Structures are given as C-alpha cells and as structure tokens.
C-alpha atoms as a PDB file:
ATOM      1  CA  MET A   1     -63.279  22.238  78.464  1.00  0.00           C
ATOM      2  CA  LYS A   2     -59.232  23.335  78.007  1.00  0.00           C
ATOM      3  CA  TYR A   3     -57.547  23.632  81.565  1.00  0.00           C
ATOM      4  CA  PRO A   4     -56.656  27.755  81.412  1.00  0.00           C
ATOM      5  CA  LYS A   5     -53.247  28.341  81.984  1.00  0.00           C
ATOM      6  CA  TYR A   6     -53.076  24.808  82.903  1.00  0.00           C
ATOM      7  CA  GLY A   7     -52.363  22.587  79.129  1.00  0.00           C
ATOM      8  CA  HIS A   8     -54.483  20.756  77.904  1.00  0.00           C
ATOM      9  CA  ALA A   9     -53.200  16.771  75.967  1.00  0.00           C
ATOM     10  CA  TYR A  10     -54.631  15.768  72.350  1.00  0.00           C
ATOM     11  CA  ALA A  11     -57.982  14.415  73.605  1.00  0.00           C
ATOM     12  CA  THR A  12     -59.481  17.893  75.169  1.00  0.00           C
ATOM     13  CA  ASP A  13     -57.821  18.832  71.478  1.00  0.00           C
ATOM     14  CA  TYR A  14     -59.508  16.088  69.402  1.00  0.00           C
ATOM     15  CA  GLY A  15     -62.668  16.520  71.802  1.00  0.00           C
ATOM     16  CA  ALA A  16     -62.796  20.224  71.331  1.00  0.00           C
ATOM     17  CA  ARG A  17     -62.922  20.090  67.892  1.00  0.00           C
ATOM     18  CA  TRP A  18     -65.263  16.893  67.468  1.00  0.00           C
ATOM     19  CA  THR A  19     -67.421  20.000  69.724  1.00  0.00           C
ATOM     20  CA  ARG A  20     -67.712  22.573  67.232  1.00  0.00           C
ATOM     21  CA  HIS A  21     -67.918  20.527  64.165  1.00  0.00           C
ATOM     22  CA  GLY A  22     -71.310  18.704  65.943  1.00  0.00           C
ATOM     23  CA  LEU A  23     -69.525  15.221  65.868  1.00  0.00           C
ATOM     24  CA  LEU A  24     -69.416  15.051  69.833  1.00  0.00           C
ATOM     25  CA  THR A  25     -71.859  17.176  73.176  1.00  0.00           C
ATOM     26  CA  ARG A  26     -70.001  19.023  75.155  1.00  0.00           C
ATOM     27  CA  LYS A  27     -70.513  16.228  78.164  1.00  0.00           C
ATOM     28  CA  GLN A  28     -69.181  13.618  75.348  1.00  0.00           C
ATOM     29  CA  ALA A  29     -65.925  15.566  74.661  1.00  0.00           C
ATOM     30  CA  VAL A  30     -65.491  16.036  78.076  1.00  0.00           C
ATOM     31  CA  GLY A  31     -65.477  12.334  79.337  1.00  0.00           C
ATOM     32  CA  LEU A  32     -63.376  11.673  76.679  1.00  0.00           C
ATOM     33  CA  ALA A  33     -61.226  13.954  78.236  1.00  0.00           C
ATOM     34  CA  GLU A  34     -61.619  12.693  81.446  1.00  0.00           C
ATOM     35  CA  GLN A  35     -60.860   9.375  80.380  1.00  0.00           C
ATOM     36  CA  ARG A  36     -58.131   9.878  77.616  1.00  0.00           C
ATOM     37  CA  ASP A  37     -55.577  13.196  78.783  1.00  0.00           C
ATOM     38  CA  HIS A  38     -52.759  13.060  80.897  1.00  0.00           C
ATOM     39  CA  ALA A  39     -50.998   9.833  80.896  1.00  0.00           C
ATOM     40  CA  LEU A  40     -47.278  11.920  81.554  1.00  0.00           C
ATOM     41  CA  GLU A  41     -46.541  11.630  84.649  1.00  0.00           C
ATOM     42  CA  LYS A  42     -43.681  14.279  84.794  1.00  0.00           C
ATOM     43  CA  LEU A  43     -45.723  17.043  83.046  1.00  0.00           C
ATOM     44  CA  TYR A  44     -48.954  17.309  86.413  1.00  0.00           C
ATOM     45  CA  ASN A  45     -49.337  19.622  88.352  1.00  0.00           C
ATOM     46  CA  PRO A  46     -49.982  17.954  91.696  1.00  0.00           C
ATOM     47  CA  GLU A  47     -51.688  21.554  93.279  1.00  0.00           C
ATOM     48  CA  LEU A  48     -54.432  20.160  90.289  1.00  0.00           C
ATOM     49  CA  PHE A  49     -54.006  16.499  89.605  1.00  0.00           C
ATOM     50  CA  GLU A  50     -54.082  13.397  92.376  1.00  0.00           C
ATOM     51  CA  LYS A  51     -53.572   9.573  91.315  1.00  0.00           C
ATOM     52  CA  ASN A  52     -56.586   7.152  91.681  1.00  0.00           C
ATOM     53  CA  GLU A  53     -56.001   3.731  93.788  1.00  0.00           C
ATOM     54  CA  PHE A  54     -55.476   2.917  90.046  1.00  0.00           C
ATOM     55  CA  GLY A  55     -52.935   4.869  89.606  1.00  0.00           C
ATOM     56  CA  GLN A  56     -54.531   7.034  86.892  1.00  0.00           C
ATOM     57  CA  TRP A  57     -54.215  10.255  87.039  1.00  0.00           C
ATOM     58  CA  GLY A  58     -57.058  12.700  87.133  1.00  0.00           C
ATOM     59  CA  LEU A  59     -58.124  16.679  87.639  1.00  0.00           C
ATOM     60  CA  LYS A  60     -59.135  17.101  92.007  1.00  0.00           C
ATOM     61  CA  LYS A  61     -61.941  16.541  92.613  1.00  0.00           C
ATOM     62  CA  GLN A  62     -62.567  20.280  93.095  1.00  0.00           C
ATOM     63  CA  PHE A  63     -61.871  21.292  89.993  1.00  0.00           C
ATOM     64  CA  ILE A  64     -64.099  18.632  88.286  1.00  0.00           C
ATOM     65  CA  GLU A  65     -67.713  20.433  89.094  1.00  0.00           C
ATOM     66  CA  GLU A  66     -65.608  23.763  87.253  1.00  0.00           C
ATOM     67  CA  ARG A  67     -64.587  22.389  84.419  1.00  0.00           C
ATOM     68  CA  ARG A  68     -68.064  20.438  84.455  1.00  0.00           C
ATOM     69  CA  ASN A  69     -70.790  23.720  84.441  1.00  0.00           C
ATOM     70  CA  PRO A  70     -68.093  26.813  84.281  1.00  0.00           C
ATOM     71  CA  LYS A  71     -69.169  29.925  85.770  1.00  0.00           C
ATOM     72  CA  TRP A  72     -68.750  31.754  82.433  1.00  0.00           C
END
C-alpha cells in the first residue's frame, strides 16, 4: 500500500496499521489514502503524481492500477 521508494503520508501509514488490526479492509485503506494523502505540493514527484481539474494532487492513472492490484 505504501509507495516504495517514493515515501508516504499519514493516511497511508494509518490505513496500513488499521488494516493490520482489522479495523479497515485493504480496499477501504487504499481509498482513504487516495483521498487524504499528498497535500504538500513541493514534495510531489511530477513523474508519479499529477494535479486534477480541482488542483488536488493524485497518483497518475498508470500507477493506480498497480497500487490496487500489486503483482506480488
């Protein structure tokens, strides 16, 4: 669930913990991370993230599917 080598934010960290403790499903935790993470503009890697029409940063579409369905 965390972005390997690219860092992560609080929602990802908490989502991972809550999933391990059975408080959330993995799908719920990924949704939480997608909504809440990445609010610091200067820390974004533009190769991985893009702004949407509302000015919110998000993982590029090509990486979303990889995050939801890891190959391991």
